[in-house]
């Protein structure tokens, strides 16, 4: 469709907000809506000193007009999301690459991941890097007006909190490794177990997380700390672990709240 000059439209009365126009700007056609034109018209008229709207739409003012239209349509670049496939890693492990994915609200003119310039069209990237401790990875983008924004994603190394049931004492690293594992830096959670004949419930966690309080059926108690051992996880990392054991056995299907 052939476009018209925006100056012609701005001299037109009765432009409704929802009207749609094909305009000619810098040799190209584009679609604008009445609401945008009304705001632009008000801006131009308010800046006229002499000569009315025709003077405001002179060649020199035309450049200002184009800039104001661009200003009305400009959206600052924004990083909508930035994620990795390795947010939580077991302590003692070493990862060698991280798969990163992100979303932007528009195309950047520059993208930098972990201080490395990458193709501006990419929205995922495989970062080759040996990581063995807590780390953050930075994404930086720049738009056509020079605005720079960034976002980080974290990689956190944690040891396991282990729990489950057993008909024998849990007293070694090998024993603990037979229980269910959750990588966490918190002692607090709710667990559900099925405690059968001659079995006790066990809860094992790093001593650095502090003493635990147990609630079963809304009542506090029912567990005791039986041991503190030097625990070696499956990656060879060693630290002190506290071992808690239910006072009673044969508890059946039980929910335990730990704080």
Protein backbone atom coordinates (compact mmCIF):
# COMPACT_ATOMS: atom_id res chain seq x y z
CA UNK A 1 0.00 0.00 0.00
CA UNK A 2 1.28 3.48 -0.86
CA UNK A 3 2.11 5.56 2.18
CA UNK A 4 1.34 9.23 2.85
CA UNK A 5 3.60 11.78 4.50
CA UNK A 6 3.05 12.11 8.22
CA UNK A 7 2.92 15.91 7.82
CA UNK A 8 -0.27 15.52 5.79
CA UNK A 9 -1.90 13.41 8.48
CA UNK A 10 -0.97 15.84 11.24
CA UNK A 11 -2.90 18.57 9.42
CA UNK A 12 -5.99 16.33 9.33
CA UNK A 13 -8.77 16.89 11.85
CA UNK A 14 -10.74 14.20 13.66
CA UNK A 15 -8.08 11.49 14.01
CA UNK A 16 -9.41 8.79 16.33
CA UNK A 17 -7.18 6.79 18.64
CA UNK A 18 -7.97 3.51 16.91
CA UNK A 19 -7.55 4.81 13.33
CA UNK A 20 -4.77 3.07 11.41
CA UNK A 21 -2.58 4.77 8.78
CA UNK A 22 0.16 3.71 6.40
CA UNK A 23 2.75 6.49 6.42
CA UNK A 24 5.84 7.22 4.35
CA UNK A 25 8.96 7.84 6.43
CA UNK A 26 12.57 7.88 5.19
CA UNK A 27 11.50 6.24 1.94
CA UNK A 28 9.76 3.35 3.72
CA UNK A 29 6.15 2.68 4.62
CA UNK A 30 5.05 1.78 8.13
CA UNK A 31 1.81 1.58 10.09
CA UNK A 32 0.95 3.98 12.90
CA UNK A 33 -2.22 4.46 14.92
CA UNK A 34 -4.25 7.54 15.65
CA UNK A 35 -3.30 7.66 19.31
CA UNK A 36 0.39 7.97 18.40
CA UNK A 37 -0.36 10.68 15.80
CA UNK A 38 -2.48 12.68 18.25
CA UNK A 39 0.35 12.69 20.80
CA UNK A 40 2.84 13.71 18.13
CA UNK A 41 0.56 16.46 16.82
CA UNK A 42 0.16 17.94 20.30
CA UNK A 43 3.92 17.87 20.79
CA UNK A 44 4.60 19.67 17.52
CA UNK A 45 1.90 22.32 17.97
CA UNK A 46 3.12 23.09 21.49
CA UNK A 47 6.59 23.83 20.09
CA UNK A 48 5.43 26.23 17.35
CA UNK A 49 6.39 29.89 17.97
CA UNK A 50 5.19 31.57 14.77
CA UNK A 51 3.60 30.44 11.55
CA UNK A 52 1.31 27.70 12.84
CA UNK A 53 1.48 24.02 11.99
CA UNK A 54 2.79 24.56 8.44
CA UNK A 55 5.96 26.17 9.77
CA UNK A 56 6.39 23.40 12.33
CA UNK A 57 6.34 20.94 9.44
CA UNK A 58 9.12 22.68 7.54
CA UNK A 59 12.15 20.66 6.44
CA UNK A 60 14.08 21.35 9.63
CA UNK A 61 11.13 20.55 11.85
CA UNK A 62 10.58 17.37 9.83
CA UNK A 63 13.71 15.90 11.36
CA UNK A 64 12.43 16.72 14.83
CA UNK A 65 9.11 15.19 13.87
CA UNK A 66 10.74 11.93 12.84
CA UNK A 67 12.73 11.85 16.06
CA UNK A 68 9.63 12.41 18.17
CA UNK A 69 7.83 9.63 16.36
CA UNK A 70 10.78 7.34 17.04
CA UNK A 71 10.76 8.43 20.70
CA UNK A 72 7.09 7.55 21.01
CA UNK A 73 7.70 4.09 19.56
CA UNK A 74 11.00 3.38 21.38
CA UNK A 75 11.02 0.59 23.94
CA UNK A 76 14.15 0.18 26.09
CA UNK A 77 15.75 -3.23 25.75
CA UNK A 78 14.90 -5.66 28.53
CA UNK A 79 16.06 -9.15 29.49
CA UNK A 80 12.85 -11.06 30.17
CA UNK A 81 14.53 -14.22 31.47
CA UNK A 82 18.01 -15.73 31.85
CA UNK A 83 18.46 -19.33 33.02
CA UNK A 84 21.00 -22.14 33.16
CA UNK A 85 20.63 -25.91 33.22
CA UNK A 86 22.84 -26.17 36.32
CA UNK A 87 21.45 -23.91 39.03
CA UNK A 88 22.19 -26.42 41.80
CA UNK A 89 25.21 -28.76 41.74
CA UNK A 90 26.37 -31.26 44.35
CA UNK A 91 29.38 -29.96 46.23
CA UNK A 92 32.60 -31.73 45.25
CA UNK A 93 31.47 -32.04 41.65
CA UNK A 94 33.06 -30.07 38.79
CA UNK A 95 30.94 -29.02 35.83
CA UNK A 96 32.60 -28.28 32.50
CA UNK A 97 29.86 -26.54 30.56
CA UNK A 98 26.64 -24.66 31.25
CA UNK A 99 23.69 -24.40 28.88
CA UNK A 100 22.29 -20.86 29.03
CA UNK A 101 18.95 -19.69 27.63
CA UNK A 102 17.32 -16.26 27.66
CA UNK A 103 14.56 -14.08 26.19
CA UNK A 104 14.65 -10.41 25.23
CA UNK A 105 11.89 -7.96 24.33
CA UNK A 106 13.70 -7.01 21.09
CA UNK A 107 16.84 -7.58 19.05
CA UNK A 108 20.04 -6.12 20.59
CA UNK A 109 22.98 -4.62 18.72
CA UNK A 110 25.43 -6.25 21.16
CA UNK A 111 25.35 -9.36 23.38
CA UNK A 112 27.98 -10.38 25.92
CA UNK A 113 27.91 -13.62 27.94
CA UNK A 114 30.47 -14.01 30.71
CA UNK A 115 32.61 -11.24 29.10
CA UNK A 116 32.47 -12.93 25.68
CA UNK A 117 30.88 -11.20 22.67
CA UNK A 118 28.40 -13.52 20.94
CA UNK A 119 26.10 -13.42 17.91
CA UNK A 120 23.21 -11.00 18.54
CA UNK A 121 20.71 -13.50 17.12
CA UNK A 122 21.48 -16.19 19.71
CA UNK A 123 19.07 -16.87 22.57
CA UNK A 124 20.93 -19.90 23.89
CA UNK A 125 24.62 -20.53 24.43
CA UNK A 126 26.78 -23.40 25.68
CA UNK A 127 29.40 -21.87 27.98
CA UNK A 128 32.55 -24.00 28.19
CA UNK A 129 34.00 -23.42 31.63
CA UNK A 130 35.18 -25.51 34.59
CA UNK A 131 33.17 -24.53 37.67
CA UNK A 132 33.70 -26.11 41.10
CA UNK A 133 32.25 -23.51 43.49
CA UNK A 134 29.41 -21.00 43.69
CA UNK A 135 29.44 -18.75 40.63
CA UNK A 136 27.39 -16.17 38.76
CA UNK A 137 27.20 -15.79 34.99
CA UNK A 138 26.37 -12.41 33.48
CA UNK A 139 24.40 -11.57 30.33
CA UNK A 140 24.76 -8.02 29.00
CA UNK A 141 22.82 -6.57 26.04
CA UNK A 142 22.83 -3.19 24.31
CA UNK A 143 20.12 -1.64 22.14
CA UNK A 144 20.17 0.75 19.18
CA UNK A 145 20.17 3.80 21.47
CA UNK A 146 23.11 2.61 23.51
CA UNK A 147 21.09 1.49 26.52
CA UNK A 148 22.86 -1.38 28.31
CA UNK A 149 21.16 -3.79 30.70
CA UNK A 150 22.30 -7.01 32.29
CA UNK A 151 21.06 -10.00 34.25
CA UNK A 152 22.83 -12.78 36.14
CA UNK A 153 22.11 -16.43 36.77
CA UNK A 154 23.64 -18.30 39.70
CA UNK A 155 25.21 -21.72 40.10
CA UNK A 156 25.13 -22.93 43.70
CA UNK A 157 27.01 -25.90 45.11
CA UNK A 158 25.22 -27.76 47.90
CA UNK A 159 25.51 -30.99 49.82
CA UNK A 160 22.65 -33.39 50.28
CA UNK A 161 20.04 -33.65 53.00
CA UNK A 162 19.23 -37.36 53.29
CA UNK A 163 16.18 -39.08 54.75
CA UNK A 164 14.34 -42.37 54.67
CA UNK A 165 13.75 -45.54 56.68
CA UNK A 166 16.00 -48.43 57.68
CA UNK A 167 15.89 -51.49 59.88
CA UNK A 168 19.54 -51.03 60.83
CA UNK A 169 21.53 -48.19 62.39
CA UNK A 170 22.68 -45.46 60.00
CA UNK A 171 26.25 -44.76 61.07
CA UNK A 172 28.50 -44.55 57.97
CA UNK A 173 28.72 -42.59 54.72
CA UNK A 174 27.68 -45.71 52.84
CA UNK A 175 24.56 -46.02 55.02
CA UNK A 176 23.56 -42.40 54.44
CA UNK A 177 24.02 -42.73 50.67
CA UNK A 178 21.28 -45.38 50.59
CA UNK A 179 18.69 -42.77 51.69
CA UNK A 180 16.80 -40.28 49.54
CA UNK A 181 18.83 -37.14 48.75
CA UNK A 182 17.82 -33.51 48.30
CA UNK A 183 20.53 -30.95 47.49
CA UNK A 184 19.85 -28.08 49.86
CA UNK A 185 21.33 -25.50 52.22
CA UNK A 186 18.26 -25.62 54.45
CA UNK A 187 17.45 -28.00 57.28
CA UNK A 188 13.72 -27.22 57.07
CA UNK A 189 11.26 -29.28 55.03
CA UNK A 190 8.35 -31.70 55.22
CA UNK A 191 8.98 -35.35 54.38
CA UNK A 192 6.66 -38.30 53.86
CA UNK A 193 7.88 -41.83 54.52
CA UNK A 194 6.43 -45.31 54.87
CA UNK A 195 8.03 -46.78 57.97
CA UNK A 196 7.55 -50.55 58.01
CA UNK A 197 8.17 -53.35 60.47
CA UNK A 198 11.33 -52.93 62.55
CA UNK A 199 12.19 -49.74 60.67
CA UNK A 200 13.07 -46.30 62.04
CA UNK A 201 12.98 -42.95 60.24
CA UNK A 202 16.36 -41.27 59.66
CA UNK A 203 17.22 -37.69 58.83
CA UNK A 204 20.85 -36.78 58.05
CA UNK A 205 22.25 -33.36 57.19
CA UNK A 206 25.38 -31.17 57.42
CA UNK A 207 26.08 -30.13 61.01
CA UNK A 208 26.62 -26.52 59.84
CA UNK A 209 22.87 -26.22 59.15
CA UNK A 210 22.16 -26.34 62.88
CA UNK A 211 20.08 -28.43 65.26
CA UNK A 212 16.72 -29.73 64.04
CA UNK A 213 13.30 -29.70 65.69
CA UNK A 214 10.83 -32.40 64.57
CA UNK A 215 7.03 -32.38 64.48
CA UNK A 216 4.90 -35.48 63.90
CA UNK A 217 1.11 -35.16 63.84
CA UNK A 218 1.48 -31.56 65.01
CA UNK A 219 3.43 -32.54 68.14
CA UNK A 220 7.06 -31.67 68.73
CA UNK A 221 9.56 -34.45 69.38
CA UNK A 222 9.87 -38.09 68.48
CA UNK A 223 13.46 -37.86 67.17
CA UNK A 224 16.91 -37.84 68.73
CA UNK A 225 20.38 -37.08 67.39
CA UNK A 226 22.23 -40.39 67.50
CA UNK A 227 25.53 -39.55 65.88
CA UNK A 228 27.76 -36.98 64.21
CA UNK A 229 30.04 -38.49 61.59
CA UNK A 230 32.56 -37.48 58.93
CA UNK A 231 30.42 -37.96 55.85
CA UNK A 232 31.94 -38.41 52.38
CA UNK A 233 29.52 -37.73 49.54
CA UNK A 234 29.54 -39.43 46.14
CA UNK A 235 32.06 -36.88 44.82
CA UNK A 236 34.50 -37.34 47.70
CA UNK A 237 33.63 -34.14 49.57
CA UNK A 238 33.87 -34.59 53.36
CA UNK A 239 32.11 -32.69 56.13
CA UNK A 240 30.43 -33.35 59.48
CA UNK A 241 26.89 -34.73 59.34
CA UNK A 242 24.32 -35.08 62.12
CA UNK A 243 22.23 -38.26 62.12
CA UNK A 244 18.71 -38.12 63.60
CA UNK A 245 16.61 -41.21 64.30
CA UNK A 246 12.95 -41.58 65.20
CA UNK A 247 12.34 -42.68 68.78
CA UNK A 248 9.76 -45.24 67.69
CA UNK A 249 9.68 -47.77 64.86
CA UNK A 250 6.81 -49.24 62.80
CA UNK A 251 5.28 -45.78 62.30
CA UNK A 252 3.60 -46.59 58.99
CA UNK A 253 2.84 -43.76 56.56
CA UNK A 254 4.12 -40.68 58.35
CA UNK A 255 4.60 -36.99 57.59
CA UNK A 256 7.45 -35.34 59.47
CA UNK A 257 7.99 -31.57 59.57
CA UNK A 258 11.55 -30.46 60.28
CA UNK A 259 12.46 -26.96 61.42
